[in-house]
């Protein structure tokens, strides 16, 4: 039977960072993951460019029943600390909008960095190794693996949530926590796209792949960034952030011309250029496909001059 000071279940970003820090403090560390490769969510994040942090990280930006919960962690390890880690490894990055930081190259660079950092510190990584059972065994825990049993003084559940099942994500950590009698906040979706009802989705299906600036409001909170129409509904930064504030049954407001009094603009152009089509005018403010779809959906006459205010 093997014995470790710490066993980390989950070789994602959190698990590998945790394993490295524990190993750097002289602990004997084992990292287990049922997947065949580490850091799969890192690999696909940011469209493969890894949106690794944000310059605006602050406790007020985190949703929690206990808003003070994250203050200690965020003050002890800041975005600047991770940026310094990337810089020391020669990994190039750049800032996009609103303090969002992405790699210049592939997200695999971050996966390789985290794997290298924890293994060089002494942590052992075992992939394709599911934990069949986890039970308390004073003074620690006993883990049943296909290869035998492992005993650990401490176990860290770093498996994440159920967000991408096709990549192997499961509710394992929640199941273990419930079985061990730990109190849980019931999980719900956050930072996710919105799916649309079939009739609306059919009307908007020609827009799949179109992106536009938007102001999206849900749960009394507004985000003004880009919105992306998809084959299933709406995505993009504004939607993903608003989704964390949305509750089932509530209204979501989407303004596709933020900062523009569209009715006033249409009225003015109706008097000045009445022969122009509504779609053509909207295309000055929106992507052409979106402008055309909105005009058709409103059953607008061919010319602005023939449109009434309604």
Protein backbone atom coordinates (compact mmCIF):
# COMPACT_ATOMS: atom_id res chain seq x y z
CA UNK A 1 0.00 0.00 0.00
CA UNK A 2 1.39 3.37 -1.05
CA UNK A 3 1.29 6.34 1.29
CA UNK A 4 1.30 10.04 0.37
CA UNK A 5 1.00 13.25 2.32
CA UNK A 6 -1.43 14.68 -0.24
CA UNK A 7 -3.49 13.14 -3.03
CA UNK A 8 -5.02 15.59 -5.50
CA UNK A 9 -7.89 14.19 -7.56
CA UNK A 10 -8.08 16.13 -10.81
CA UNK A 11 -5.24 17.24 -13.08
CA UNK A 12 -6.81 20.51 -14.17
CA UNK A 13 -5.56 24.03 -13.53
CA UNK A 14 -6.55 24.06 -9.84
CA UNK A 15 -5.33 20.54 -9.16
CA UNK A 16 -1.94 21.05 -10.77
CA UNK A 17 -1.38 24.41 -9.07
CA UNK A 18 -2.30 22.84 -5.72
CA UNK A 19 0.00 19.86 -6.30
CA UNK A 20 2.93 22.09 -7.20
CA UNK A 21 2.52 24.25 -4.11
CA UNK A 22 2.22 21.22 -1.82
CA UNK A 23 5.29 19.56 -3.37
CA UNK A 24 7.29 22.78 -3.11
CA UNK A 25 6.54 22.68 0.63
CA UNK A 26 8.13 19.26 0.94
CA UNK A 27 4.99 17.12 0.83
CA UNK A 28 4.87 13.79 -1.01
CA UNK A 29 2.14 14.43 -3.58
CA UNK A 30 0.19 12.21 -5.97
CA UNK A 31 -2.12 13.63 -8.67
CA UNK A 32 -4.81 11.36 -10.11
CA UNK A 33 -7.07 11.90 -13.12
CA UNK A 34 -9.35 9.54 -15.02
CA UNK A 35 -8.59 11.36 -18.30
CA UNK A 36 -5.80 10.39 -20.67
CA UNK A 37 -4.32 13.90 -20.73
CA UNK A 38 -3.99 16.66 -18.12
CA UNK A 39 -5.53 20.12 -18.39
CA UNK A 40 -8.11 19.39 -21.07
CA UNK A 41 -10.28 22.39 -20.14
CA UNK A 42 -7.19 24.60 -20.25
CA UNK A 43 -6.46 23.30 -23.74
CA UNK A 44 -9.84 24.42 -25.13
CA UNK A 45 -10.18 27.63 -23.10
CA UNK A 46 -10.19 30.97 -24.89
CA UNK A 47 -10.70 29.28 -28.24
CA UNK A 48 -7.41 27.44 -27.75
CA UNK A 49 -5.57 30.60 -26.67
CA UNK A 50 -6.21 30.19 -22.92
CA UNK A 51 -7.85 33.23 -21.32
CA UNK A 52 -5.73 32.67 -18.25
CA UNK A 53 -6.68 35.64 -16.06
CA UNK A 54 -8.11 39.15 -15.97
CA UNK A 55 -6.46 42.33 -14.73
CA UNK A 56 -9.74 43.22 -13.01
CA UNK A 57 -9.74 40.23 -10.65
CA UNK A 58 -11.26 41.41 -7.37
CA UNK A 59 -13.35 39.75 -4.65
CA UNK A 60 -16.35 41.87 -5.66
CA UNK A 61 -16.39 40.11 -9.04
CA UNK A 62 -17.03 36.69 -7.48
CA UNK A 63 -20.51 35.33 -6.77
CA UNK A 64 -20.89 33.60 -3.42
CA UNK A 65 -23.24 33.25 -0.48
CA UNK A 66 -20.18 34.33 1.49
CA UNK A 67 -18.67 37.29 -0.43
CA UNK A 68 -15.61 37.35 1.84
CA UNK A 69 -14.75 33.72 1.09
CA UNK A 70 -12.31 34.44 -1.74
CA UNK A 71 -10.56 37.50 -0.27
CA UNK A 72 -7.70 35.56 1.30
CA UNK A 73 -6.91 33.50 -1.80
CA UNK A 74 -7.08 36.45 -4.18
CA UNK A 75 -4.83 38.58 -1.98
CA UNK A 76 -2.23 35.83 -1.56
CA UNK A 77 -2.03 34.92 -5.27
CA UNK A 78 -2.81 37.72 -7.70
CA UNK A 79 -3.01 37.96 -11.51
CA UNK A 80 0.46 39.52 -11.39
CA UNK A 81 1.83 36.35 -9.79
CA UNK A 82 0.59 34.14 -12.61
CA UNK A 83 1.72 36.63 -15.23
CA UNK A 84 5.19 36.49 -13.67
CA UNK A 85 5.08 32.69 -13.93
CA UNK A 86 4.29 32.89 -17.64
CA UNK A 87 6.97 35.51 -18.21
CA UNK A 88 9.58 33.36 -16.45
CA UNK A 89 8.71 30.52 -18.84
CA UNK A 90 8.93 32.80 -21.88
CA UNK A 91 5.24 32.40 -22.75
CA UNK A 92 3.91 35.38 -24.70
CA UNK A 93 0.51 36.86 -23.88
CA UNK A 94 -1.53 39.94 -24.65
CA UNK A 95 -4.42 41.94 -23.24
CA UNK A 96 -7.72 42.02 -25.09
CA UNK A 97 -10.77 44.02 -24.04
CA UNK A 98 -11.64 44.80 -20.43
CA UNK A 99 -8.42 43.43 -18.98
CA UNK A 100 -8.82 39.95 -20.46
CA UNK A 101 -5.44 38.22 -20.90
CA UNK A 102 -4.88 35.56 -23.56
CA UNK A 103 -1.83 33.71 -24.82
CA UNK A 104 -0.30 34.67 -28.14
CA UNK A 105 0.20 30.98 -28.87
CA UNK A 106 -1.44 27.69 -27.97
CA UNK A 107 -3.10 26.97 -24.62
CA UNK A 108 -0.98 23.81 -24.48
CA UNK A 109 1.87 26.03 -23.32
CA UNK A 110 0.07 26.58 -20.01
CA UNK A 111 -0.74 22.87 -19.68
CA UNK A 112 2.91 21.99 -20.25
CA UNK A 113 4.04 24.68 -17.81
CA UNK A 114 1.78 23.46 -15.00
CA UNK A 115 2.70 19.81 -15.55
CA UNK A 116 6.39 20.65 -15.61
CA UNK A 117 6.14 22.86 -12.53
CA UNK A 118 4.47 20.23 -10.36
CA UNK A 119 6.54 17.26 -11.53
CA UNK A 120 9.83 19.14 -11.14
CA UNK A 121 8.71 19.99 -7.61
CA UNK A 122 8.34 16.27 -6.97
CA UNK A 123 4.64 15.57 -7.48
CA UNK A 124 3.72 12.35 -9.27
CA UNK A 125 1.06 12.39 -12.00
CA UNK A 126 -1.00 9.33 -12.90
CA UNK A 127 -3.46 9.62 -15.79
CA UNK A 128 -6.19 7.18 -16.87
CA UNK A 129 -6.50 6.40 -13.16
CA UNK A 130 -10.04 6.71 -11.81
CA UNK A 131 -10.62 6.61 -8.05
CA UNK A 132 -12.99 3.70 -7.45
CA UNK A 133 -13.60 4.47 -3.79
CA UNK A 134 -12.61 7.08 -1.23
CA UNK A 135 -13.17 6.46 2.47
CA UNK A 136 -11.97 8.04 5.70
CA UNK A 137 -9.22 6.01 7.37
CA UNK A 138 -7.90 7.81 10.44
CA UNK A 139 -5.80 9.80 10.40
CA UNK A 140 -6.42 10.29 6.67
CA UNK A 141 -8.14 8.63 3.71
CA UNK A 142 -7.94 5.39 1.76
CA UNK A 143 -8.34 5.51 -2.03
CA UNK A 144 -9.10 2.43 -4.09
CA UNK A 145 -7.46 2.46 -7.52
CA UNK A 146 -7.39 -0.24 -10.19
CA UNK A 147 -3.72 -0.76 -9.34
CA UNK A 148 -4.33 -1.10 -5.61
CA UNK A 149 -4.92 1.06 -2.55
CA UNK A 150 -3.36 4.40 -1.67
CA UNK A 151 -3.41 6.09 1.72
CA UNK A 152 -3.15 9.87 2.13
CA UNK A 153 -3.13 12.26 5.07
CA UNK A 154 -4.99 14.84 2.95
CA UNK A 155 -7.16 14.59 -0.16
CA UNK A 156 -7.95 17.56 -2.41
CA UNK A 157 -10.99 17.30 -4.68
CA UNK A 158 -9.99 19.30 -7.75
CA UNK A 159 -12.17 17.69 -10.40
CA UNK A 160 -14.25 20.75 -11.24
CA UNK A 161 -17.92 20.59 -12.19
CA UNK A 162 -20.06 18.91 -14.83
CA UNK A 163 -19.73 21.61 -17.47
CA UNK A 164 -18.38 19.58 -20.40
CA UNK A 165 -19.40 15.90 -20.05
CA UNK A 166 -18.04 14.95 -23.48
CA UNK A 167 -14.57 15.82 -22.18
CA UNK A 168 -15.04 13.56 -19.18
CA UNK A 169 -16.33 16.13 -16.67
CA UNK A 170 -18.51 14.54 -13.98
CA UNK A 171 -20.09 15.36 -10.65
CA UNK A 172 -17.58 13.14 -8.85
CA UNK A 173 -16.42 15.73 -6.32
CA UNK A 174 -20.02 16.61 -5.39
CA UNK A 175 -20.87 12.94 -4.90
CA UNK A 176 -17.86 12.39 -2.65
CA UNK A 177 -18.55 15.54 -0.65
CA UNK A 178 -22.17 14.53 -0.07
CA UNK A 179 -21.14 11.02 0.96
CA UNK A 180 -18.66 12.45 3.47
CA UNK A 181 -21.35 14.68 4.94
CA UNK A 182 -19.96 18.02 3.73
CA UNK A 183 -22.37 20.91 3.28
CA UNK A 184 -22.81 21.94 -0.36
CA UNK A 185 -24.27 24.88 -2.21
CA UNK A 186 -26.46 23.23 -4.83
CA UNK A 187 -24.60 23.63 -8.14
CA UNK A 188 -26.16 25.43 -11.09
CA UNK A 189 -24.94 26.51 -14.48
CA UNK A 190 -22.85 29.65 -14.75
CA UNK A 191 -20.71 31.24 -17.47
CA UNK A 192 -22.72 29.32 -20.04
CA UNK A 193 -24.52 30.14 -23.31
CA UNK A 194 -28.28 30.61 -23.49
CA UNK A 195 -30.28 28.14 -25.56
CA UNK A 196 -33.31 29.51 -27.40
CA UNK A 197 -36.83 28.13 -27.76
CA UNK A 198 -37.33 26.21 -31.03
CA UNK A 199 -39.45 28.88 -32.76
CA UNK A 200 -37.02 31.70 -31.99
CA UNK A 201 -34.04 29.51 -32.81
CA UNK A 202 -35.50 28.74 -36.22
CA UNK A 203 -35.97 32.45 -36.96
CA UNK A 204 -32.42 33.26 -35.92
CA UNK A 205 -30.69 30.19 -37.40
CA UNK A 206 -29.31 32.19 -40.39
CA UNK A 207 -27.29 34.24 -37.88
CA UNK A 208 -25.16 31.36 -36.56
CA UNK A 209 -21.57 32.63 -36.41
CA UNK A 210 -22.50 36.33 -36.40
CA UNK A 211 -20.99 38.43 -33.61
CA UNK A 212 -21.99 41.94 -32.57
CA UNK A 213 -21.51 44.36 -29.66
CA UNK A 214 -24.39 44.07 -27.22
CA UNK A 215 -25.66 45.05 -23.80
CA UNK A 216 -27.07 42.00 -21.99
CA UNK A 217 -28.97 42.31 -18.71
CA UNK A 218 -29.97 39.44 -16.42
CA UNK A 219 -30.78 39.41 -12.73
CA UNK A 220 -30.39 43.17 -12.52
CA UNK A 221 -26.77 43.07 -13.73
CA UNK A 222 -25.61 44.34 -17.13
CA UNK A 223 -22.60 43.44 -19.27
CA UNK A 224 -21.62 45.30 -22.42
CA UNK A 225 -19.37 43.16 -24.60
CA UNK A 226 -19.74 41.06 -27.72
CA UNK A 227 -22.60 38.63 -28.33
CA UNK A 228 -22.36 35.57 -30.60
CA UNK A 229 -25.25 33.85 -32.33
CA UNK A 230 -24.79 30.07 -32.39
CA UNK A 231 -26.61 27.03 -33.75
CA UNK A 232 -28.25 26.58 -30.35
CA UNK A 233 -28.77 30.14 -29.14
CA UNK A 234 -26.63 32.97 -27.80
CA UNK A 235 -23.07 33.00 -26.54
CA UNK A 236 -20.14 35.42 -26.37
CA UNK A 237 -18.61 37.26 -23.38
CA UNK A 238 -21.68 39.39 -22.58
CA UNK A 239 -23.99 36.37 -22.53
CA UNK A 240 -21.61 34.09 -20.63
CA UNK A 241 -21.21 36.63 -17.84
CA UNK A 242 -24.90 37.49 -17.65
CA UNK A 243 -25.78 33.79 -17.39
CA UNK A 244 -24.27 33.62 -13.90
CA UNK A 245 -26.88 36.13 -12.69
CA UNK A 246 -29.85 34.61 -14.49
CA UNK A 247 -32.45 32.42 -12.79
CA UNK A 248 -34.90 30.16 -14.56
CA UNK A 249 -38.04 32.01 -15.58
CA UNK A 250 -36.47 35.47 -15.45
CA UNK A 251 -36.25 37.84 -18.41
CA UNK A 252 -33.02 38.45 -20.29
CA UNK A 253 -32.75 41.81 -22.06
CA UNK A 254 -30.48 42.10 -25.11
CA UNK A 255 -29.69 45.52 -26.60
CA UNK A 256 -28.00 45.09 -29.98
CA UNK A 257 -27.37 48.81 -30.43
CA UNK A 258 -25.99 49.90 -27.05
CA UNK A 259 -25.71 53.66 -26.71
CA UNK A 260 -27.82 54.33 -29.79
CA UNK A 261 -31.41 55.69 -29.81
CA UNK A 262 -32.39 53.47 -32.70
CA UNK A 263 -35.93 54.80 -33.07
CA UNK A 264 -34.67 58.39 -33.28
CA UNK A 265 -32.10 57.31 -35.86
CA UNK A 266 -34.73 55.55 -37.97
CA UNK A 267 -37.07 58.52 -37.80
CA UNK A 268 -34.34 60.94 -38.85
CA UNK A 269 -33.28 58.77 -41.78
CA UNK A 270 -36.90 58.26 -42.83
CA UNK A 271 -37.22 62.00 -43.40
CA UNK A 272 -33.78 62.38 -44.97
CA UNK A 273 -33.41 59.21 -47.06
CA UNK A 274 -36.84 57.64 -47.34
CA UNK A 275 -35.87 55.53 -50.35
CA UNK A 276 -33.28 53.65 -48.29
CA UNK A 277 -34.28 50.20 -47.05
CA UNK A 278 -34.53 49.56 -43.29
CA UNK A 279 -32.03 46.72 -43.63
CA UNK A 280 -29.49 49.00 -45.31
CA UNK A 281 -29.77 51.57 -42.51
CA UNK A 282 -29.50 48.92 -39.81
CA UNK A 283 -26.42 47.53 -41.58
CA UNK A 284 -24.62 50.80 -40.79
CA UNK A 285 -24.92 49.85 -37.09
CA UNK A 286 -25.04 46.05 -37.16
CA UNK A 287 -23.59 43.15 -39.15
CA UNK A 288 -25.40 42.89 -42.50
CA UNK A 289 -26.91 39.47 -41.83
CA UNK A 290 -28.25 40.62 -38.46
CA UNK A 291 -29.67 43.82 -39.99
CA UNK A 292 -31.43 41.86 -42.73
CA UNK A 293 -32.87 39.30 -40.29
CA UNK A 294 -34.20 42.00 -37.96
CA UNK A 295 -35.82 43.93 -40.83
CA UNK A 296 -37.45 40.77 -42.16
CA UNK A 297 -38.60 39.76 -38.68
CA UNK A 298 -40.26 43.16 -38.24
CA UNK A 299 -41.94 42.74 -41.66
CA UNK A 300 -40.66 46.20 -42.55
CA UNK A 301 -41.67 47.75 -45.90
CA UNK A 302 -38.96 47.90 -48.58
CA UNK A 303 -38.39 51.65 -48.04
CA UNK A 304 -37.90 53.67 -44.84
CA UNK A 305 -40.32 56.29 -46.13
CA UNK A 306 -43.12 53.71 -46.03
CA UNK A 307 -42.45 52.74 -42.39
CA UNK A 308 -44.57 54.10 -39.54
CA UNK A 309 -43.13 54.42 -36.02
CA UNK A 310 -44.45 51.02 -34.94
